[in-house]
Structures are given as structure tokens and as C-alpha cells.
Amino acid sequence: MLYGLGILAGLVLPIQTSVNTNLKNRAGGSPFLASMLSFTIGTIALLFATLLSGQSLFFSSHLFTSQPAWIWLGGLFGVIGLTTNVLIFPYLGAVQTVIMPITGQIIMGMIIDNFSLFDADHHAFTIIRLVGVILLVVGILMVVLDKKASDGADKAKQLPWQILGIVAGMFQASQAPVNGHLGVVLHSPIHAAFISFLVGTIILFVITGLVDRSYVHAKDAIGKGNPWWIWLGGVLGAIFVLSNAFLSPQIGAGTTVVLVLLGNLFGSVMVDKYGLLNSPKKPVGIMKYIGLVVMLIAVAIIKLY
């Protein structure tokens, strides 16, 4: 039951990215406005979740002086991750929009573990982890260089977006221990998720105002001709955060990561192969399937050993 929940949580991310991309296309084409709207809805959902859990929405001002400043950076890291996914999705498709950030997450995750950044527990870089990294690189190359999936695609033009996806994944990996520490301090992972989303929403309101100089295009996504599901991105993000917060203590962080990744990969293949939620169809060759399996094995080795 819990394992199935982990896979379902993973399915949420590629669907969320596709939903938010549709929202962007109908809200003036601005990834910042789309992310702002998504974060706002997610914040509202987490507000109610926090209240239902019996937690206060507020916290002691003493935290500003007694805790490191980085505990408030989770929202910023989330903004970078979500907005980047919306940016790269049209250029890379659902599968690569999942695996490039995952690559960045694995790289940064091992850096965090090895150097105990953000007060994380120390996990040394071992030979077994090195084998996992090598397998991960092999799997990524199989996915990216898959001939059938690459037909008609300009690999040179994709490279900057692939690098951007990896960098975004490194920020997403940093978000997990930051929010985890905040959850310990607040004695509630749900409250921590709400604070993180709230900070992200405020940041996106500022960025959208500075870059787009207007919020008026938000109304373009409302009304006839616009499917109702384009507003679900924030709720899906909140579900993902809450699912991870629930599963990690129950089945372990490593197992949770592997199950979520399995859902990520399955969901992204379905979105690409069938063009779900108005996404462009992208062919999925046998080499890509094999590469995804190799990646899953690699992540299992890195996270479980």
C-alpha cells in the first residue's frame, strides 16, 4: 500500500509539469506567472492541510536568530526547480524533463551527503556509489542518444536546456534537507512545506512583477476555452510534498526516492508517448526504455547502499 503511494506520488511530477506548461501557454506565455499561480494554489492547499493537522500557521520570531539563515531557502530552491521544469519541457519533452533534474539531484545529493551540508547526516562516497553513478551516466546517455526518440531533434540545441535541467535538479536536492530541517524545528513537515510554498509564492510575485511588469495575463487562463485542470499544478505539487513527508519516516528516505523515481519515469513516458494533457507526442524507442531501467537500478544502488 505504502509502496504504491510512493509510485503514485512520483506520477504526479511529470503531470504537474505538463499542467503548468499548459497554464503558461494560456497565461501570456510567462513561466514566472505560471509558476506564481501554481505556487499560490499550492500554498492555499497547504494552508488548509496545516490547519487540519492542528498546527499553527505562525512561528516564533526567535527562529530568525537561533537557526541558520538557510532554513528559509527552501521556497527559493523550489521556485528555481518548478520554473525551470516549465521552461525546459517544450524543448526536451516529459522524459528528459524528469531525468535531467534527477541527474542534478543525484549529483548534489551525494555532495550534500559527503560534506554534511545543511546539517545532513554524513554518508561517504563509496565504491558502490561510484558504480551507481557510472550506471546512471550510461542510462542517461541511452535515453538522450536513443535514435528513435532523437529523430527530428537538434541535440546541439537541446544541450543548454539539458544543462539547465541538471542545475535545477541540484537546487531541488538542496530543498529536501532544508525543508527537512525546518520541519524538525517546527515539529511539523506539513507546516514546513506551507512556509516553503509561502516564501516561494512571495518570491514569484516579486519576480513576475519585475520581469513581466504585470499580472494581467492571469485572467487569460480563466473562462471559456480553458480546461479546468490547468489550475491543478499547485495542488499536485502540494500532494507530492505531503506524500514525501508522510512516506519518508514510514519506509525510509532511500526507498521513497526509488519509488518516486519509478513513478516519475513511468509517468513521463506516458506523457511523451501518448501526448497527454495537450503535450507534444515524442517517440519512445527501445533504447530509451532500457536506459530508464538502467537509471532506476543506478538510483537504487546510490540511495539504498
C-alpha atoms as a PDB file:
ATOM      1  CA  MET A   1       0.000   0.000   0.000  1.00  0.00           C
ATOM      2  CA  LEU A   2       2.710   2.470   1.028  1.00  0.00           C
ATOM      3  CA  TYR A   3       4.902   1.401  -1.901  1.00  0.00           C
ATOM      4  CA  GLY A   4       2.007   2.069  -4.266  1.00  0.00           C
ATOM      5  CA  LEU A   5       1.559   5.511  -2.729  1.00  0.00           C
ATOM      6  CA  GLY A   6       5.235   6.240  -3.422  1.00  0.00           C
ATOM      7  CA  ILE A   7       4.825   5.339  -7.096  1.00  0.00           C
ATOM      8  CA  LEU A   8       1.634   7.415  -7.352  1.00  0.00           C
ATOM      9  CA  ALA A   9       3.460  10.369  -5.780  1.00  0.00           C
ATOM     10  CA  GLY A  10       6.104  10.039  -8.480  1.00  0.00           C
ATOM     11  CA  LEU A  11       3.454  10.041 -11.212  1.00  0.00           C
ATOM     12  CA  VAL A  12       2.400  13.485 -10.014  1.00  0.00           C
ATOM     13  CA  LEU A  13       5.555  15.350 -11.096  1.00  0.00           C
ATOM     14  CA  PRO A  14       5.520  14.849 -14.909  1.00  0.00           C
ATOM     15  CA  ILE A  15       1.769  15.501 -14.869  1.00  0.00           C
ATOM     16  CA  GLN A  16       2.311  18.678 -12.831  1.00  0.00           C
ATOM     17  CA  THR A  17       4.935  19.920 -15.285  1.00  0.00           C
ATOM     18  CA  SER A  18       2.610  19.303 -18.237  1.00  0.00           C
ATOM     19  CA  VAL A  19      -0.268  21.041 -16.421  1.00  0.00           C
ATOM     20  CA  ASN A  20       1.871  24.070 -15.550  1.00  0.00           C
ATOM     21  CA  THR A  21       3.178  24.271 -19.123  1.00  0.00           C
ATOM     22  CA  ASN A  22      -0.423  24.445 -20.364  1.00  0.00           C
ATOM     23  CA  LEU A  23      -1.111  27.162 -17.796  1.00  0.00           C
ATOM     24  CA  LYS A  24       1.911  29.093 -19.044  1.00  0.00           C
ATOM     25  CA  ASN A  25       0.720  28.863 -22.659  1.00  0.00           C
ATOM     26  CA  ARG A  26      -2.704  30.247 -21.687  1.00  0.00           C
ATOM     27  CA  ALA A  27      -1.404  32.942 -19.333  1.00  0.00           C
ATOM     28  CA  GLY A  28       0.609  35.089 -21.714  1.00  0.00           C
ATOM     29  CA  GLY A  29       3.444  32.589 -22.159  1.00  0.00           C
ATOM     30  CA  SER A  30       5.229  33.644 -18.972  1.00  0.00           C
ATOM     31  CA  PRO A  31       6.833  30.788 -16.990  1.00  0.00           C
ATOM     32  CA  PHE A  32       7.115  33.111 -13.989  1.00  0.00           C
ATOM     33  CA  LEU A  33       3.406  33.944 -13.969  1.00  0.00           C
ATOM     34  CA  ALA A  34       2.505  30.270 -14.402  1.00  0.00           C
ATOM     35  CA  SER A  35       4.802  29.283 -11.531  1.00  0.00           C
ATOM     36  CA  MET A  36       3.397  32.106  -9.382  1.00  0.00           C
ATOM     37  CA  LEU A  37      -0.166  30.907  -9.938  1.00  0.00           C
ATOM     38  CA  SER A  38       0.825  27.301  -9.276  1.00  0.00           C
ATOM     39  CA  PHE A  39       2.686  28.198  -6.081  1.00  0.00           C
ATOM     40  CA  THR A  40      -0.222  30.344  -4.889  1.00  0.00           C
ATOM     41  CA  ILE A  41      -2.697  27.488  -5.284  1.00  0.00           C
ATOM     42  CA  GLY A  42      -0.259  25.075  -3.633  1.00  0.00           C
ATOM     43  CA  THR A  43       0.191  27.475  -0.717  1.00  0.00           C
ATOM     44  CA  ILE A  44      -3.572  27.691  -0.196  1.00  0.00           C
ATOM     45  CA  ALA A  45      -3.846  23.883  -0.272  1.00  0.00           C
ATOM     46  CA  LEU A  46      -1.030  23.537   2.285  1.00  0.00           C
ATOM     47  CA  LEU A  47      -2.575  26.269   4.436  1.00  0.00           C
ATOM     48  CA  PHE A  48      -5.681  24.127   4.890  1.00  0.00           C
ATOM     49  CA  ALA A  49      -3.566  20.989   5.362  1.00  0.00           C
ATOM     50  CA  THR A  50      -1.607  22.732   8.131  1.00  0.00           C
ATOM     51  CA  LEU A  51      -4.774  23.878   9.883  1.00  0.00           C
ATOM     52  CA  LEU A  52      -6.342  20.413   9.592  1.00  0.00           C
ATOM     53  CA  SER A  53      -3.218  18.908  11.169  1.00  0.00           C
ATOM     54  CA  GLY A  54      -3.773  21.112  14.225  1.00  0.00           C
ATOM     55  CA  GLN A  55      -0.666  23.215  13.633  1.00  0.00           C
ATOM     56  CA  SER A  56      -0.455  26.987  13.858  1.00  0.00           C
ATOM     57  CA  LEU A  57       0.322  28.922  10.689  1.00  0.00           C
ATOM     58  CA  PHE A  58       2.757  31.114  12.611  1.00  0.00           C
ATOM     59  CA  PHE A  59       6.129  30.542  14.263  1.00  0.00           C
ATOM     60  CA  SER A  60       8.335  32.216  16.843  1.00  0.00           C
ATOM     61  CA  SER A  61      10.466  35.153  15.677  1.00  0.00           C
ATOM     62  CA  HIS A  62      13.200  33.556  17.788  1.00  0.00           C
ATOM     63  CA  LEU A  63      13.863  31.229  14.836  1.00  0.00           C
ATOM     64  CA  PHE A  64      15.417  34.106  12.879  1.00  0.00           C
ATOM     65  CA  THR A  65      18.237  34.401  15.416  1.00  0.00           C
ATOM     66  CA  SER A  66      18.522  30.843  16.728  1.00  0.00           C
ATOM     67  CA  GLN A  67      18.566  28.986  13.393  1.00  0.00           C
ATOM     68  CA  PRO A  68      20.802  29.251  10.301  1.00  0.00           C
ATOM     69  CA  ALA A  69      19.554  31.603   7.581  1.00  0.00           C
ATOM     70  CA  TRP A  70      19.444  28.805   5.009  1.00  0.00           C
ATOM     71  CA  ILE A  71      16.367  27.178   6.607  1.00  0.00           C
ATOM     72  CA  TRP A  72      14.283  29.804   4.754  1.00  0.00           C
ATOM     73  CA  LEU A  73      15.772  28.992   1.323  1.00  0.00           C
ATOM     74  CA  GLY A  74      13.532  26.002   0.560  1.00  0.00           C
ATOM     75  CA  GLY A  75      10.963  28.192  -1.174  1.00  0.00           C
ATOM     76  CA  LEU A  76      13.615  29.801  -3.403  1.00  0.00           C
ATOM     77  CA  PHE A  77      15.029  26.402  -4.364  1.00  0.00           C
ATOM     78  CA  GLY A  78      11.506  25.202  -5.157  1.00  0.00           C
ATOM     79  CA  VAL A  79      10.877  28.248  -7.351  1.00  0.00           C
ATOM     80  CA  ILE A  80      14.020  27.519  -9.363  1.00  0.00           C
ATOM     81  CA  GLY A  81      13.073  23.860  -9.787  1.00  0.00           C
ATOM     82  CA  LEU A  82       9.431  24.395 -10.771  1.00  0.00           C
ATOM     83  CA  THR A  83      10.045  27.334 -13.114  1.00  0.00           C
ATOM     84  CA  THR A  84      12.921  25.542 -14.840  1.00  0.00           C
ATOM     85  CA  ASN A  85      10.739  22.486 -15.465  1.00  0.00           C
ATOM     86  CA  VAL A  86       8.152  24.699 -17.156  1.00  0.00           C
ATOM     87  CA  LEU A  87      10.905  26.319 -19.249  1.00  0.00           C
ATOM     88  CA  ILE A  88      12.602  23.133 -20.475  1.00  0.00           C
ATOM     89  CA  PHE A  89       9.515  20.945 -21.009  1.00  0.00           C
ATOM     90  CA  PRO A  90       8.696  22.217 -24.547  1.00  0.00           C
ATOM     91  CA  TYR A  91      12.305  21.642 -25.661  1.00  0.00           C
ATOM     92  CA  LEU A  92      13.079  18.294 -24.016  1.00  0.00           C
ATOM     93  CA  GLY A  93       9.745  16.542 -23.548  1.00  0.00           C
ATOM     94  CA  ALA A  94       8.465  14.851 -20.411  1.00  0.00           C
ATOM     95  CA  VAL A  95      11.109  12.113 -20.097  1.00  0.00           C
ATOM     96  CA  GLN A  96      14.161  14.368 -20.267  1.00  0.00           C
ATOM     97  CA  THR A  97      12.413  16.984 -18.114  1.00  0.00           C
ATOM     98  CA  VAL A  98      12.328  14.274 -15.447  1.00  0.00           C
ATOM     99  CA  ILE A  99      15.758  12.666 -15.894  1.00  0.00           C
ATOM    100  CA  MET A 100      17.873  15.838 -16.191  1.00  0.00           C
ATOM    101  CA  PRO A 101      16.751  17.213 -12.810  1.00  0.00           C
ATOM    102  CA  ILE A 102      17.101  13.705 -11.349  1.00  0.00           C
ATOM    103  CA  THR A 103      20.721  13.699 -12.520  1.00  0.00           C
ATOM    104  CA  GLY A 104      21.292  17.027 -10.782  1.00  0.00           C
ATOM    105  CA  GLN A 105      19.546  15.732  -7.666  1.00  0.00           C
ATOM    106  CA  ILE A 106      21.805  12.671  -7.501  1.00  0.00           C
ATOM    107  CA  ILE A 107      24.968  14.750  -8.003  1.00  0.00           C
ATOM    108  CA  MET A 108      24.009  17.349  -5.403  1.00  0.00           C
ATOM    109  CA  GLY A 109      22.612  14.706  -3.077  1.00  0.00           C
ATOM    110  CA  MET A 110      25.981  12.965  -2.912  1.00  0.00           C
ATOM    111  CA  ILE A 111      27.755  16.292  -2.364  1.00  0.00           C
ATOM    112  CA  ILE A 112      25.363  17.084   0.492  1.00  0.00           C
ATOM    113  CA  ASP A 113      25.838  13.601   1.974  1.00  0.00           C
ATOM    114  CA  ASN A 114      29.628  13.608   1.670  1.00  0.00           C
ATOM    115  CA  PHE A 115      30.142  17.074   3.173  1.00  0.00           C
ATOM    116  CA  SER A 116      27.134  17.051   5.558  1.00  0.00           C
ATOM    117  CA  LEU A 117      25.730  20.260   4.074  1.00  0.00           C
ATOM    118  CA  PHE A 118      22.552  21.725   5.599  1.00  0.00           C
ATOM    119  CA  ASP A 119      23.172  19.665   8.768  1.00  0.00           C
ATOM    120  CA  ALA A 120      22.503  16.462   6.830  1.00  0.00           C
ATOM    121  CA  ASP A 121      23.805  13.112   8.100  1.00  0.00           C
ATOM    122  CA  HIS A 122      27.206  12.142   6.705  1.00  0.00           C
ATOM    123  CA  HIS A 123      27.310   9.409   4.053  1.00  0.00           C
ATOM    124  CA  ALA A 124      30.721   8.854   2.488  1.00  0.00           C
ATOM    125  CA  PHE A 125      31.185   8.456  -1.268  1.00  0.00           C
ATOM    126  CA  THR A 126      31.875   4.719  -1.601  1.00  0.00           C
ATOM    127  CA  ILE A 127      32.862   2.369  -4.421  1.00  0.00           C
ATOM    128  CA  ILE A 128      29.290   1.075  -4.568  1.00  0.00           C
ATOM    129  CA  ARG A 129      28.023   4.630  -5.036  1.00  0.00           C
ATOM    130  CA  LEU A 130      30.617   5.145  -7.780  1.00  0.00           C
ATOM    131  CA  VAL A 131      29.230   2.088  -9.591  1.00  0.00           C
ATOM    132  CA  GLY A 132      25.768   3.615  -9.247  1.00  0.00           C
ATOM    133  CA  VAL A 133      26.970   6.912 -10.734  1.00  0.00           C
ATOM    134  CA  ILE A 134      28.560   5.131 -13.708  1.00  0.00           C
ATOM    135  CA  LEU A 135      25.333   3.220 -14.344  1.00  0.00           C
ATOM    136  CA  LEU A 136      23.379   6.472 -14.050  1.00  0.00           C
ATOM    137  CA  VAL A 137      25.539   8.121 -16.729  1.00  0.00           C
ATOM    138  CA  VAL A 138      25.129   5.079 -19.002  1.00  0.00           C
ATOM    139  CA  GLY A 139      21.353   5.162 -18.547  1.00  0.00           C
ATOM    140  CA  ILE A 140      21.169   8.894 -19.277  1.00  0.00           C
ATOM    141  CA  LEU A 141      23.234   8.503 -22.457  1.00  0.00           C
ATOM    142  CA  MET A 142      20.958   5.686 -23.626  1.00  0.00           C
ATOM    143  CA  VAL A 143      17.886   7.879 -23.119  1.00  0.00           C
ATOM    144  CA  VAL A 144      19.342  11.041 -24.662  1.00  0.00           C
ATOM    145  CA  LEU A 145      21.005   9.318 -27.632  1.00  0.00           C
ATOM    146  CA  ASP A 146      18.096   6.992 -28.418  1.00  0.00           C
ATOM    147  CA  LYS A 147      17.877   7.191 -32.213  1.00  0.00           C
ATOM    148  CA  LYS A 148      14.094   6.832 -32.496  1.00  0.00           C
ATOM    149  CA  ALA A 149      13.468   9.461 -29.833  1.00  0.00           C
ATOM    150  CA  SER A 150      16.023  11.774 -31.391  1.00  0.00           C
ATOM    151  CA  ASP A 151      14.605  11.793 -34.917  1.00  0.00           C
ATOM    152  CA  GLY A 152      13.941  15.396 -35.868  1.00  0.00           C
ATOM    153  CA  ALA A 153      15.508  16.726 -32.679  1.00  0.00           C
ATOM    154  CA  ASP A 154      18.530  19.048 -32.742  1.00  0.00           C
ATOM    155  CA  LYS A 155      20.752  17.662 -29.996  1.00  0.00           C
ATOM    156  CA  ALA A 156      23.025  20.714 -30.004  1.00  0.00           C
ATOM    157  CA  LYS A 157      20.041  22.982 -29.338  1.00  0.00           C
ATOM    158  CA  GLN A 158      18.854  20.672 -26.555  1.00  0.00           C
ATOM    159  CA  LEU A 159      22.178  20.752 -24.687  1.00  0.00           C
ATOM    160  CA  PRO A 160      21.706  24.140 -22.899  1.00  0.00           C
ATOM    161  CA  TRP A 161      18.244  23.052 -21.723  1.00  0.00           C
ATOM    162  CA  GLN A 162      19.649  19.720 -20.533  1.00  0.00           C
ATOM    163  CA  ILE A 163      22.345  21.515 -18.523  1.00  0.00           C
ATOM    164  CA  LEU A 164      19.718  23.884 -17.106  1.00  0.00           C
ATOM    165  CA  GLY A 165      17.651  20.873 -16.044  1.00  0.00           C
ATOM    166  CA  ILE A 166      20.633  19.347 -14.226  1.00  0.00           C
ATOM    167  CA  VAL A 167      21.349  22.629 -12.409  1.00  0.00           C
ATOM    168  CA  ALA A 168      17.679  22.898 -11.413  1.00  0.00           C
ATOM    169  CA  GLY A 169      17.866  19.370 -10.030  1.00  0.00           C
ATOM    170  CA  MET A 170      20.794  20.393  -7.828  1.00  0.00           C
ATOM    171  CA  PHE A 171      18.626  23.122  -6.293  1.00  0.00           C
ATOM    172  CA  GLN A 172      15.777  20.645  -5.821  1.00  0.00           C
ATOM    173  CA  ALA A 173      18.136  18.273  -3.999  1.00  0.00           C
ATOM    174  CA  SER A 174      19.126  21.135  -1.699  1.00  0.00           C
ATOM    175  CA  GLN A 175      15.473  21.883  -0.974  1.00  0.00           C
ATOM    176  CA  ALA A 176      14.857  18.489   0.666  1.00  0.00           C
ATOM    177  CA  PRO A 177      17.326  18.791   3.603  1.00  0.00           C
ATOM    178  CA  VAL A 178      16.467  22.481   4.047  1.00  0.00           C
ATOM    179  CA  ASN A 179      12.743  21.762   4.353  1.00  0.00           C
ATOM    180  CA  GLY A 180      13.530  18.678   6.410  1.00  0.00           C
ATOM    181  CA  HIS A 181      15.479  20.759   8.932  1.00  0.00           C
ATOM    182  CA  LEU A 182      12.711  23.365   9.010  1.00  0.00           C
ATOM    183  CA  GLY A 183      10.205  20.574   9.640  1.00  0.00           C
ATOM    184  CA  VAL A 184      12.241  19.386  12.635  1.00  0.00           C
ATOM    185  CA  VAL A 185      12.458  22.930  14.012  1.00  0.00           C
ATOM    186  CA  LEU A 186       8.708  23.499  13.566  1.00  0.00           C
ATOM    187  CA  HIS A 187       7.854  19.945  14.695  1.00  0.00           C
ATOM    188  CA  SER A 188       5.729  19.535  11.568  1.00  0.00           C
ATOM    189  CA  PRO A 189       6.761  18.689   7.963  1.00  0.00           C
ATOM    190  CA  ILE A 190       3.371  19.980   6.771  1.00  0.00           C
ATOM    191  CA  HIS A 191       3.935  23.364   8.420  1.00  0.00           C
ATOM    192  CA  ALA A 192       7.443  23.453   6.901  1.00  0.00           C
ATOM    193  CA  ALA A 193       6.015  22.732   3.440  1.00  0.00           C
ATOM    194  CA  PHE A 194       3.487  25.552   3.900  1.00  0.00           C
ATOM    195  CA  ILE A 195       6.241  28.019   4.891  1.00  0.00           C
ATOM    196  CA  SER A 196       8.364  26.893   1.933  1.00  0.00           C
ATOM    197  CA  PHE A 197       5.488  27.366  -0.529  1.00  0.00           C
ATOM    198  CA  LEU A 198       4.591  30.730   1.013  1.00  0.00           C
ATOM    199  CA  VAL A 199       8.163  32.004   0.647  1.00  0.00           C
ATOM    200  CA  GLY A 200       8.227  30.728  -2.940  1.00  0.00           C
ATOM    201  CA  THR A 201       4.937  32.469  -3.727  1.00  0.00           C
ATOM    202  CA  ILE A 202       6.221  35.805  -2.400  1.00  0.00           C
ATOM    203  CA  ILE A 203       9.431  35.457  -4.436  1.00  0.00           C
ATOM    204  CA  LEU A 204       7.460  34.687  -7.599  1.00  0.00           C
ATOM    205  CA  PHE A 205       5.120  37.646  -7.087  1.00  0.00           C
ATOM    206  CA  VAL A 206       8.204  39.889  -6.968  1.00  0.00           C
ATOM    207  CA  ILE A 207       9.938  38.242  -9.954  1.00  0.00           C
ATOM    208  CA  THR A 208       6.778  38.299 -12.084  1.00  0.00           C
ATOM    209  CA  GLY A 209       6.232  41.968 -11.267  1.00  0.00           C
ATOM    210  CA  LEU A 210       9.823  42.848 -12.201  1.00  0.00           C
ATOM    211  CA  VAL A 211      10.085  40.699 -15.346  1.00  0.00           C
ATOM    212  CA  ASP A 212       6.543  40.754 -16.760  1.00  0.00           C
ATOM    213  CA  ARG A 213       5.624  44.126 -15.205  1.00  0.00           C
ATOM    214  CA  SER A 214       2.029  42.942 -14.975  1.00  0.00           C
ATOM    215  CA  TYR A 215      -0.165  40.163 -13.630  1.00  0.00           C
ATOM    216  CA  VAL A 216      -2.979  40.911 -16.060  1.00  0.00           C
ATOM    217  CA  HIS A 217      -2.406  37.834 -18.260  1.00  0.00           C
ATOM    218  CA  ALA A 218      -3.552  35.606 -15.404  1.00  0.00           C
ATOM    219  CA  LYS A 219      -7.136  36.377 -16.472  1.00  0.00           C
ATOM    220  CA  ASP A 220      -6.405  34.925 -19.933  1.00  0.00           C
ATOM    221  CA  ALA A 221      -6.317  31.463 -18.358  1.00  0.00           C
ATOM    222  CA  ILE A 222      -9.807  31.927 -16.893  1.00  0.00           C
ATOM    223  CA  GLY A 223     -13.055  31.359 -18.738  1.00  0.00           C
ATOM    224  CA  LYS A 224     -14.314  29.516 -21.787  1.00  0.00           C
ATOM    225  CA  GLY A 225     -11.863  27.553 -23.878  1.00  0.00           C
ATOM    226  CA  ASN A 226      -9.548  26.895 -20.949  1.00  0.00           C
ATOM    227  CA  PRO A 227      -9.650  23.411 -19.405  1.00  0.00           C
ATOM    228  CA  TRP A 228     -10.229  23.381 -15.644  1.00  0.00           C
ATOM    229  CA  TRP A 229      -7.245  21.107 -14.996  1.00  0.00           C
ATOM    230  CA  ILE A 230      -4.660  23.794 -15.851  1.00  0.00           C
ATOM    231  CA  TRP A 231      -5.183  25.079 -12.289  1.00  0.00           C
ATOM    232  CA  LEU A 232      -4.264  21.793 -10.625  1.00  0.00           C
ATOM    233  CA  GLY A 233      -0.470  22.201 -10.763  1.00  0.00           C
ATOM    234  CA  GLY A 234      -0.228  23.751  -7.315  1.00  0.00           C
ATOM    235  CA  VAL A 235      -2.441  21.088  -5.748  1.00  0.00           C
ATOM    236  CA  LEU A 236      -0.359  18.354  -7.395  1.00  0.00           C
ATOM    237  CA  GLY A 237       2.799  19.957  -6.020  1.00  0.00           C
ATOM    238  CA  ALA A 238       1.300  20.050  -2.532  1.00  0.00           C
ATOM    239  CA  ILE A 239       0.270  16.383  -2.816  1.00  0.00           C
ATOM    240  CA  PHE A 240       3.813  15.458  -3.837  1.00  0.00           C
ATOM    241  CA  VAL A 241       5.350  17.330  -0.898  1.00  0.00           C
ATOM    242  CA  LEU A 242       2.903  15.848   1.610  1.00  0.00           C
ATOM    243  CA  SER A 243       3.321  12.315   0.219  1.00  0.00           C
ATOM    244  CA  ASN A 244       7.090  12.523   0.623  1.00  0.00           C
ATOM    245  CA  ALA A 245       6.724  13.940   4.131  1.00  0.00           C
ATOM    246  CA  PHE A 246       4.451  11.018   5.051  1.00  0.00           C
ATOM    247  CA  LEU A 247       6.391   8.213   3.353  1.00  0.00           C
ATOM    248  CA  SER A 248       9.982   9.001   4.356  1.00  0.00           C
ATOM    249  CA  PRO A 249       9.503   8.234   8.080  1.00  0.00           C
ATOM    250  CA  GLN A 250       7.407   5.151   7.245  1.00  0.00           C
ATOM    251  CA  ILE A 251       9.549   3.318   4.675  1.00  0.00           C
ATOM    252  CA  GLY A 252      12.810   5.283   4.700  1.00  0.00           C
ATOM    253  CA  ALA A 253      14.108   8.147   2.577  1.00  0.00           C
ATOM    254  CA  GLY A 254      16.079   5.914   0.184  1.00  0.00           C
ATOM    255  CA  THR A 255      13.144   3.625  -0.583  1.00  0.00           C
ATOM    256  CA  THR A 256      10.883   6.654  -1.012  1.00  0.00           C
ATOM    257  CA  VAL A 257      13.268   8.183  -3.574  1.00  0.00           C
ATOM    258  CA  VAL A 258      13.407   4.958  -5.613  1.00  0.00           C
ATOM    259  CA  LEU A 259       9.610   4.513  -5.634  1.00  0.00           C
ATOM    260  CA  VAL A 260       9.042   8.163  -6.543  1.00  0.00           C
ATOM    261  CA  LEU A 261      11.594   7.861  -9.352  1.00  0.00           C
ATOM    262  CA  LEU A 262       9.778   4.784 -10.678  1.00  0.00           C
ATOM    263  CA  GLY A 263       6.573   6.827 -10.802  1.00  0.00           C
ATOM    264  CA  ASN A 264       8.439   9.759 -12.389  1.00  0.00           C
ATOM    265  CA  LEU A 265       9.821   7.625 -15.201  1.00  0.00           C
ATOM    266  CA  PHE A 266       6.567   5.770 -15.887  1.00  0.00           C
ATOM    267  CA  GLY A 267       4.551   8.998 -15.885  1.00  0.00           C
ATOM    268  CA  SER A 268       6.985  10.846 -18.144  1.00  0.00           C
ATOM    269  CA  VAL A 269       6.994   8.017 -20.704  1.00  0.00           C
ATOM    270  CA  MET A 270       3.182   8.027 -20.776  1.00  0.00           C
ATOM    271  CA  VAL A 271       3.068  11.819 -21.248  1.00  0.00           C
ATOM    272  CA  ASP A 272       5.597  11.684 -24.110  1.00  0.00           C
ATOM    273  CA  LYS A 273       4.287   8.545 -25.814  1.00  0.00           C
ATOM    274  CA  TYR A 274       0.600   9.487 -25.798  1.00  0.00           C
ATOM    275  CA  GLY A 275       0.819  13.290 -25.723  1.00  0.00           C
ATOM    276  CA  LEU A 276      -1.248  13.529 -22.548  1.00  0.00           C
ATOM    277  CA  LEU A 277      -2.668  16.890 -21.410  1.00  0.00           C
ATOM    278  CA  ASN A 278      -2.043  18.564 -24.776  1.00  0.00           C
ATOM    279  CA  SER A 279       1.673  17.718 -24.619  1.00  0.00           C
ATOM    280  CA  PRO A 280       3.505  17.129 -27.924  1.00  0.00           C
ATOM    281  CA  LYS A 281       3.966  13.438 -28.707  1.00  0.00           C
ATOM    282  CA  LYS A 282       7.575  12.274 -28.693  1.00  0.00           C
ATOM    283  CA  PRO A 283       8.560   8.781 -29.902  1.00  0.00           C
ATOM    284  CA  VAL A 284       9.881   6.418 -27.242  1.00  0.00           C
ATOM    285  CA  GLY A 285      12.352   3.844 -28.604  1.00  0.00           C
ATOM    286  CA  ILE A 286      13.510   0.580 -27.029  1.00  0.00           C
ATOM    287  CA  MET A 287      16.863   2.154 -26.147  1.00  0.00           C
ATOM    288  CA  LYS A 288      15.069   4.752 -24.034  1.00  0.00           C
ATOM    289  CA  TYR A 289      13.151   2.066 -22.134  1.00  0.00           C
ATOM    290  CA  ILE A 290      16.374   0.165 -21.399  1.00  0.00           C
ATOM    291  CA  GLY A 291      18.081   3.407 -20.358  1.00  0.00           C
ATOM    292  CA  LEU A 292      15.276   4.201 -17.917  1.00  0.00           C
ATOM    293  CA  VAL A 293      15.599   0.759 -16.309  1.00  0.00           C
ATOM    294  CA  VAL A 294      19.382   1.226 -16.008  1.00  0.00           C
ATOM    295  CA  MET A 295      18.792   4.623 -14.384  1.00  0.00           C
ATOM    296  CA  LEU A 296      16.336   3.125 -11.906  1.00  0.00           C
ATOM    297  CA  ILE A 297      18.872   0.438 -10.920  1.00  0.00           C
ATOM    298  CA  ALA A 298      21.572   3.119 -10.574  1.00  0.00           C
ATOM    299  CA  VAL A 299      19.464   5.282  -8.272  1.00  0.00           C
ATOM    300  CA  ALA A 300      18.523   2.229  -6.191  1.00  0.00           C
ATOM    301  CA  ILE A 301      22.231   1.429  -5.729  1.00  0.00           C
ATOM    302  CA  ILE A 302      23.079   5.026  -4.801  1.00  0.00           C
ATOM    303  CA  LYS A 303      20.182   5.522  -2.407  1.00  0.00           C
ATOM    304  CA  LEU A 304      19.939   2.107  -0.755  1.00  0.00           C
ATOM    305  CA  TYR A 305      23.622   1.200  -0.289  1.00  0.00           C
END
